[in-house]
């Protein structure tokens, strides 16, 4: 039972990172396309509920968010 309690916080952290990466990617896509790409910026409850559905369109904004934060980390490492 204690092993289960160790994994619960990590699950919440993973969900929070998914949400942050999606919001960042959707915002960047909307900003760089000048509003042509209109990904919905859901709140956290809607995000959790809609994420489990197949073909929900979360993959592209998620990947853009991952690439954005990876570029930030690489640029910080390069400048130091």
C-alpha atoms as a PDB file:
ATOM      1  CA  UNK A   1       0.000   0.000   0.000  1.00  0.00           C
ATOM      2  CA  UNK A   2       2.864   2.394   0.708  1.00  0.00           C
ATOM      3  CA  UNK A   3       4.205   1.828  -2.797  1.00  0.00           C
ATOM      4  CA  UNK A   4       0.918   3.135  -4.146  1.00  0.00           C
ATOM      5  CA  UNK A   5       1.274   6.311  -2.064  1.00  0.00           C
ATOM      6  CA  UNK A   6       4.717   6.889  -3.588  1.00  0.00           C
ATOM      7  CA  UNK A   7       3.339   6.885  -7.132  1.00  0.00           C
ATOM      8  CA  UNK A   8       0.336   9.158  -6.529  1.00  0.00           C
ATOM      9  CA  UNK A   9       2.331  12.440  -6.346  1.00  0.00           C
ATOM     10  CA  UNK A  10       4.304  11.529  -9.464  1.00  0.00           C
ATOM     11  CA  UNK A  11       1.065  10.935 -11.374  1.00  0.00           C
ATOM     12  CA  UNK A  12      -0.182  14.408 -10.416  1.00  0.00           C
ATOM     13  CA  UNK A  13       3.129  15.946 -11.463  1.00  0.00           C
ATOM     14  CA  UNK A  14       2.968  14.164 -14.834  1.00  0.00           C
ATOM     15  CA  UNK A  15      -0.579  15.432 -15.409  1.00  0.00           C
ATOM     16  CA  UNK A  16       0.450  18.965 -14.486  1.00  0.00           C
ATOM     17  CA  UNK A  17       3.402  18.847 -16.914  1.00  0.00           C
ATOM     18  CA  UNK A  18       1.120  17.541 -19.664  1.00  0.00           C
ATOM     19  CA  UNK A  19      -1.238  20.439 -19.055  1.00  0.00           C
ATOM     20  CA  UNK A  20       1.547  23.040 -19.041  1.00  0.00           C
ATOM     21  CA  UNK A  21       3.104  21.621 -22.203  1.00  0.00           C
ATOM     22  CA  UNK A  22      -0.261  21.587 -23.990  1.00  0.00           C
ATOM     23  CA  UNK A  23      -1.132  25.160 -22.978  1.00  0.00           C
ATOM     24  CA  UNK A  24       2.308  26.406 -24.020  1.00  0.00           C
ATOM     25  CA  UNK A  25       2.172  24.628 -27.367  1.00  0.00           C
ATOM     26  CA  UNK A  26      -1.375  25.759 -28.122  1.00  0.00           C
ATOM     27  CA  UNK A  27      -0.515  29.351 -27.215  1.00  0.00           C
ATOM     28  CA  UNK A  28       2.614  29.325 -29.377  1.00  0.00           C
ATOM     29  CA  UNK A  29       0.764  27.834 -32.340  1.00  0.00           C
ATOM     30  CA  UNK A  30      -1.982  30.427 -32.009  1.00  0.00           C
ATOM     31  CA  UNK A  31       0.518  33.291 -31.717  1.00  0.00           C
ATOM     32  CA  UNK A  32       2.806  32.235 -34.579  1.00  0.00           C
ATOM     33  CA  UNK A  33      -0.067  31.458 -36.944  1.00  0.00           C
ATOM     34  CA  UNK A  34      -1.689  34.835 -36.158  1.00  0.00           C
ATOM     35  CA  UNK A  35      -4.852  33.130 -34.946  1.00  0.00           C
ATOM     36  CA  UNK A  36      -5.334  30.748 -37.862  1.00  0.00           C
ATOM     37  CA  UNK A  37      -4.672  27.649 -35.717  1.00  0.00           C
ATOM     38  CA  UNK A  38      -7.326  27.825 -33.023  1.00  0.00           C
ATOM     39  CA  UNK A  39      -6.524  25.175 -30.447  1.00  0.00           C
ATOM     40  CA  UNK A  40      -8.830  25.469 -27.476  1.00  0.00           C
ATOM     41  CA  UNK A  41      -7.206  26.487 -24.211  1.00  0.00           C
ATOM     42  CA  UNK A  42      -9.101  24.232 -21.830  1.00  0.00           C
ATOM     43  CA  UNK A  43      -8.984  24.480 -18.064  1.00  0.00           C
ATOM     44  CA  UNK A  44      -7.322  21.667 -16.141  1.00  0.00           C
ATOM     45  CA  UNK A  45     -10.530  19.731 -15.432  1.00  0.00           C
ATOM     46  CA  UNK A  46     -11.624  19.745 -19.060  1.00  0.00           C
ATOM     47  CA  UNK A  47      -8.087  18.851 -20.143  1.00  0.00           C
ATOM     48  CA  UNK A  48      -8.028  15.747 -17.940  1.00  0.00           C
ATOM     49  CA  UNK A  49     -11.476  14.666 -19.100  1.00  0.00           C
ATOM     50  CA  UNK A  50     -10.877  15.225 -22.813  1.00  0.00           C
ATOM     51  CA  UNK A  51      -7.338  13.843 -22.875  1.00  0.00           C
ATOM     52  CA  UNK A  52      -8.454  10.232 -22.495  1.00  0.00           C
ATOM     53  CA  UNK A  53     -10.559  10.380 -25.691  1.00  0.00           C
ATOM     54  CA  UNK A  54      -8.832   9.165 -28.867  1.00  0.00           C
ATOM     55  CA  UNK A  55      -8.256  11.581 -31.744  1.00  0.00           C
ATOM     56  CA  UNK A  56      -8.590  14.632 -29.550  1.00  0.00           C
ATOM     57  CA  UNK A  57      -5.926  16.786 -31.231  1.00  0.00           C
ATOM     58  CA  UNK A  58      -3.646  17.226 -28.228  1.00  0.00           C
ATOM     59  CA  UNK A  59      -0.547  15.755 -29.836  1.00  0.00           C
ATOM     60  CA  UNK A  60       0.608  18.684 -31.993  1.00  0.00           C
ATOM     61  CA  UNK A  61       0.373  21.383 -29.284  1.00  0.00           C
ATOM     62  CA  UNK A  62       1.988  18.977 -26.807  1.00  0.00           C
ATOM     63  CA  UNK A  63       4.951  18.350 -29.132  1.00  0.00           C
ATOM     64  CA  UNK A  64       5.334  22.079 -29.801  1.00  0.00           C
ATOM     65  CA  UNK A  65       5.382  22.702 -26.040  1.00  0.00           C
ATOM     66  CA  UNK A  66       8.040  20.017 -25.530  1.00  0.00           C
ATOM     67  CA  UNK A  67      10.189  21.470 -28.310  1.00  0.00           C
ATOM     68  CA  UNK A  68       9.805  24.988 -26.900  1.00  0.00           C
ATOM     69  CA  UNK A  69      10.980  24.006 -23.418  1.00  0.00           C
ATOM     70  CA  UNK A  70      13.743  21.814 -24.869  1.00  0.00           C
ATOM     71  CA  UNK A  71      15.014  24.810 -26.839  1.00  0.00           C
ATOM     72  CA  UNK A  72      14.996  26.917 -23.678  1.00  0.00           C
ATOM     73  CA  UNK A  73      17.040  24.300 -21.812  1.00  0.00           C
ATOM     74  CA  UNK A  74      19.495  23.917 -24.720  1.00  0.00           C
ATOM     75  CA  UNK A  75      19.948  27.683 -25.062  1.00  0.00           C
ATOM     76  CA  UNK A  76      20.571  28.061 -21.330  1.00  0.00           C
ATOM     77  CA  UNK A  77      23.119  25.235 -21.420  1.00  0.00           C
ATOM     78  CA  UNK A  78      24.805  26.701 -24.475  1.00  0.00           C
ATOM     79  CA  UNK A  79      25.064  30.222 -23.056  1.00  0.00           C
ATOM     80  CA  UNK A  80      26.620  29.030 -19.815  1.00  0.00           C
END
